[in-house]
């Protein structure tokens, strides 16, 4: 049974940092892609970063350009992280953890499509004040 539980959201001033966590259980799958998405009010959910079981990481084009976010995982703790630095008001959104049992999703941009992920967490809200 797959379970994803996000935490770590909160309110921060512009320029500050937050680390989001996603405690996961993805049994019985051993191969997977996990990702962080975010959705601001009135906007579509968008992919931020992804990682697969082999540790391959991908970032959205905008985040790759900015270099502010880092996705990582601790397999021993079954936890996915998103370290967010130099936060801006436009980063304010509800952040979601997603998972799918296809490790190849991390390549070719497939991970950026919400329809490719079978499992979702409930989200954690990030507020960034200017």
C-alpha atoms as a PDB file:
ATOM      1  CA  UNK A   1       0.000   0.000   0.000  1.00  0.00           C
ATOM      2  CA  UNK A   2       1.445   3.323  -1.048  1.00  0.00           C
ATOM      3  CA  UNK A   3       1.295   6.183   1.406  1.00  0.00           C
ATOM      4  CA  UNK A   4       2.787   9.640   1.088  1.00  0.00           C
ATOM      5  CA  UNK A   5       2.715  12.168   3.923  1.00  0.00           C
ATOM      6  CA  UNK A   6       4.195  15.631   3.436  1.00  0.00           C
ATOM      7  CA  UNK A   7       5.392  17.948   6.169  1.00  0.00           C
ATOM      8  CA  UNK A   8       7.654  20.933   6.632  1.00  0.00           C
ATOM      9  CA  UNK A   9       5.551  23.637   5.057  1.00  0.00           C
ATOM     10  CA  UNK A  10       5.011  26.932   6.786  1.00  0.00           C
ATOM     11  CA  UNK A  11       5.443  30.651   6.573  1.00  0.00           C
ATOM     12  CA  UNK A  12       8.802  32.200   5.718  1.00  0.00           C
ATOM     13  CA  UNK A  13      10.069  35.594   4.642  1.00  0.00           C
ATOM     14  CA  UNK A  14      11.356  36.123   1.138  1.00  0.00           C
ATOM     15  CA  UNK A  15      14.964  34.989   0.936  1.00  0.00           C
ATOM     16  CA  UNK A  16      14.460  32.337   3.564  1.00  0.00           C
ATOM     17  CA  UNK A  17      14.642  28.556   3.347  1.00  0.00           C
ATOM     18  CA  UNK A  18      12.407  25.595   4.035  1.00  0.00           C
ATOM     19  CA  UNK A  19      12.908  21.870   3.808  1.00  0.00           C
ATOM     20  CA  UNK A  20       9.881  19.833   2.886  1.00  0.00           C
ATOM     21  CA  UNK A  21       9.682  16.167   3.787  1.00  0.00           C
ATOM     22  CA  UNK A  22       7.588  13.341   2.397  1.00  0.00           C
ATOM     23  CA  UNK A  23       7.462  10.188   4.471  1.00  0.00           C
ATOM     24  CA  UNK A  24       6.637   7.383   2.104  1.00  0.00           C
ATOM     25  CA  UNK A  25       5.695   3.773   1.931  1.00  0.00           C
ATOM     26  CA  UNK A  26       5.774   2.453  -1.606  1.00  0.00           C
ATOM     27  CA  UNK A  27       5.597  -1.263  -1.047  1.00  0.00           C
ATOM     28  CA  UNK A  28       5.506  -3.523  -2.991  1.00  0.00           C
ATOM     29  CA  UNK A  29       7.326  -1.409  -5.574  1.00  0.00           C
ATOM     30  CA  UNK A  30      11.111  -1.384  -5.685  1.00  0.00           C
ATOM     31  CA  UNK A  31      11.431   0.789  -8.769  1.00  0.00           C
ATOM     32  CA  UNK A  32       9.824   4.176  -8.740  1.00  0.00           C
ATOM     33  CA  UNK A  33       9.909   7.849  -9.557  1.00  0.00           C
ATOM     34  CA  UNK A  34       9.017  10.343  -6.869  1.00  0.00           C
ATOM     35  CA  UNK A  35       8.448  14.012  -7.454  1.00  0.00           C
ATOM     36  CA  UNK A  36       7.490  17.310  -5.919  1.00  0.00           C
ATOM     37  CA  UNK A  37       4.723  19.322  -7.520  1.00  0.00           C
ATOM     38  CA  UNK A  38       3.247  22.624  -6.451  1.00  0.00           C
ATOM     39  CA  UNK A  39      -0.014  24.385  -7.049  1.00  0.00           C
ATOM     40  CA  UNK A  40      -0.709  28.034  -6.381  1.00  0.00           C
ATOM     41  CA  UNK A  41      -4.293  29.311  -6.127  1.00  0.00           C
ATOM     42  CA  UNK A  42      -5.860  29.612  -9.555  1.00  0.00           C
ATOM     43  CA  UNK A  43      -2.944  27.909 -11.289  1.00  0.00           C
ATOM     44  CA  UNK A  44      -2.255  24.460 -12.621  1.00  0.00           C
ATOM     45  CA  UNK A  45      -0.213  22.004 -10.643  1.00  0.00           C
ATOM     46  CA  UNK A  46       3.366  22.075 -11.888  1.00  0.00           C
ATOM     47  CA  UNK A  47       6.340  19.820 -11.441  1.00  0.00           C
ATOM     48  CA  UNK A  48       9.282  21.125  -9.447  1.00  0.00           C
ATOM     49  CA  UNK A  49      11.713  18.202  -9.237  1.00  0.00           C
ATOM     50  CA  UNK A  50      11.859  14.423  -9.445  1.00  0.00           C
ATOM     51  CA  UNK A  51      14.077  11.552  -8.379  1.00  0.00           C
ATOM     52  CA  UNK A  52      13.979   7.839  -9.084  1.00  0.00           C
ATOM     53  CA  UNK A  53      15.104   4.776  -7.139  1.00  0.00           C
ATOM     54  CA  UNK A  54      18.528   4.946  -8.799  1.00  0.00           C
ATOM     55  CA  UNK A  55      19.010   8.492  -7.559  1.00  0.00           C
ATOM     56  CA  UNK A  56      18.651  10.211 -10.905  1.00  0.00           C
ATOM     57  CA  UNK A  57      17.302  13.711 -10.405  1.00  0.00           C
ATOM     58  CA  UNK A  58      15.522  16.119 -12.689  1.00  0.00           C
ATOM     59  CA  UNK A  59      14.324  19.675 -12.207  1.00  0.00           C
ATOM     60  CA  UNK A  60      11.858  21.824 -14.025  1.00  0.00           C
ATOM     61  CA  UNK A  61      13.439  24.170 -16.534  1.00  0.00           C
ATOM     62  CA  UNK A  62      12.716  27.203 -14.368  1.00  0.00           C
ATOM     63  CA  UNK A  63      14.236  25.620 -11.272  1.00  0.00           C
ATOM     64  CA  UNK A  64      17.240  24.409 -13.213  1.00  0.00           C
ATOM     65  CA  UNK A  65      17.844  27.982 -14.229  1.00  0.00           C
ATOM     66  CA  UNK A  66      17.511  29.310 -10.718  1.00  0.00           C
ATOM     67  CA  UNK A  67      19.338  26.519  -8.864  1.00  0.00           C
ATOM     68  CA  UNK A  68      17.508  27.151  -5.621  1.00  0.00           C
ATOM     69  CA  UNK A  69      15.816  23.823  -4.955  1.00  0.00           C
ATOM     70  CA  UNK A  70      17.366  20.422  -4.259  1.00  0.00           C
ATOM     71  CA  UNK A  71      15.515  17.121  -4.228  1.00  0.00           C
ATOM     72  CA  UNK A  72      16.942  14.200  -2.282  1.00  0.00           C
ATOM     73  CA  UNK A  73      15.898  11.013  -0.595  1.00  0.00           C
ATOM     74  CA  UNK A  74      16.885   8.973   2.429  1.00  0.00           C
ATOM     75  CA  UNK A  75      15.992   5.411   1.597  1.00  0.00           C
ATOM     76  CA  UNK A  76      16.815   4.176   5.095  1.00  0.00           C
ATOM     77  CA  UNK A  77      14.255   6.618   6.498  1.00  0.00           C
ATOM     78  CA  UNK A  78      11.847   6.281   3.554  1.00  0.00           C
ATOM     79  CA  UNK A  79      11.774  10.023   3.247  1.00  0.00           C
ATOM     80  CA  UNK A  80      11.866  12.354   0.265  1.00  0.00           C
ATOM     81  CA  UNK A  81      13.072  15.913   0.728  1.00  0.00           C
ATOM     82  CA  UNK A  82      12.892  19.209  -1.077  1.00  0.00           C
ATOM     83  CA  UNK A  83      15.341  21.808   0.159  1.00  0.00           C
ATOM     84  CA  UNK A  84      14.177  25.241  -0.920  1.00  0.00           C
ATOM     85  CA  UNK A  85      16.503  28.227  -0.626  1.00  0.00           C
ATOM     86  CA  UNK A  86      16.171  31.905  -1.520  1.00  0.00           C
ATOM     87  CA  UNK A  87      12.401  31.614  -1.495  1.00  0.00           C
ATOM     88  CA  UNK A  88      10.347  34.193  -3.336  1.00  0.00           C
ATOM     89  CA  UNK A  89       6.688  35.161  -2.987  1.00  0.00           C
ATOM     90  CA  UNK A  90       5.974  33.390  -6.287  1.00  0.00           C
ATOM     91  CA  UNK A  91       7.086  30.114  -4.672  1.00  0.00           C
ATOM     92  CA  UNK A  92       4.061  30.238  -2.367  1.00  0.00           C
ATOM     93  CA  UNK A  93       1.864  27.237  -3.098  1.00  0.00           C
ATOM     94  CA  UNK A  94       0.695  23.917  -1.798  1.00  0.00           C
ATOM     95  CA  UNK A  95       3.480  21.420  -2.399  1.00  0.00           C
ATOM     96  CA  UNK A  96       2.627  17.817  -3.174  1.00  0.00           C
ATOM     97  CA  UNK A  97       4.659  14.652  -3.087  1.00  0.00           C
ATOM     98  CA  UNK A  98       3.874  12.159  -5.851  1.00  0.00           C
ATOM     99  CA  UNK A  99       5.023   8.651  -6.670  1.00  0.00           C
ATOM    100  CA  UNK A 100       4.730   6.126  -9.455  1.00  0.00           C
ATOM    101  CA  UNK A 101       6.152   2.667  -9.967  1.00  0.00           C
ATOM    102  CA  UNK A 102       7.965   3.565 -13.189  1.00  0.00           C
ATOM    103  CA  UNK A 103      11.555   4.667 -12.662  1.00  0.00           C
ATOM    104  CA  UNK A 104      11.921   5.829 -16.272  1.00  0.00           C
ATOM    105  CA  UNK A 105       9.467   8.682 -15.718  1.00  0.00           C
ATOM    106  CA  UNK A 106      12.362  10.766 -14.474  1.00  0.00           C
ATOM    107  CA  UNK A 107      13.689  11.031 -18.028  1.00  0.00           C
ATOM    108  CA  UNK A 108      12.337  12.789 -21.068  1.00  0.00           C
ATOM    109  CA  UNK A 109      10.157  15.186 -19.158  1.00  0.00           C
ATOM    110  CA  UNK A 110       7.517  12.545 -18.422  1.00  0.00           C
ATOM    111  CA  UNK A 111       7.768  13.306 -14.729  1.00  0.00           C
ATOM    112  CA  UNK A 112       6.368  16.784 -15.233  1.00  0.00           C
ATOM    113  CA  UNK A 113       2.939  15.483 -16.132  1.00  0.00           C
ATOM    114  CA  UNK A 114       0.589  14.998 -13.179  1.00  0.00           C
ATOM    115  CA  UNK A 115      -1.273  12.295 -15.093  1.00  0.00           C
ATOM    116  CA  UNK A 116       1.815  10.053 -14.963  1.00  0.00           C
ATOM    117  CA  UNK A 117       1.719   9.728 -11.181  1.00  0.00           C
ATOM    118  CA  UNK A 118      -0.582   7.224  -9.538  1.00  0.00           C
ATOM    119  CA  UNK A 119      -0.039   8.215  -5.935  1.00  0.00           C
ATOM    120  CA  UNK A 120      -0.264  11.591  -4.205  1.00  0.00           C
ATOM    121  CA  UNK A 121       0.132  13.027  -0.760  1.00  0.00           C
ATOM    122  CA  UNK A 122      -2.267  15.504   0.785  1.00  0.00           C
ATOM    123  CA  UNK A 123       0.034  18.497   0.331  1.00  0.00           C
ATOM    124  CA  UNK A 124       1.793  20.970   2.588  1.00  0.00           C
ATOM    125  CA  UNK A 125       1.361  24.709   2.296  1.00  0.00           C
ATOM    126  CA  UNK A 126       4.230  27.129   1.817  1.00  0.00           C
ATOM    127  CA  UNK A 127       3.676  30.834   2.416  1.00  0.00           C
ATOM    128  CA  UNK A 128       6.348  33.346   1.455  1.00  0.00           C
ATOM    129  CA  UNK A 129       5.957  36.923   2.611  1.00  0.00           C
ATOM    130  CA  UNK A 130       7.690  39.814   0.891  1.00  0.00           C
END
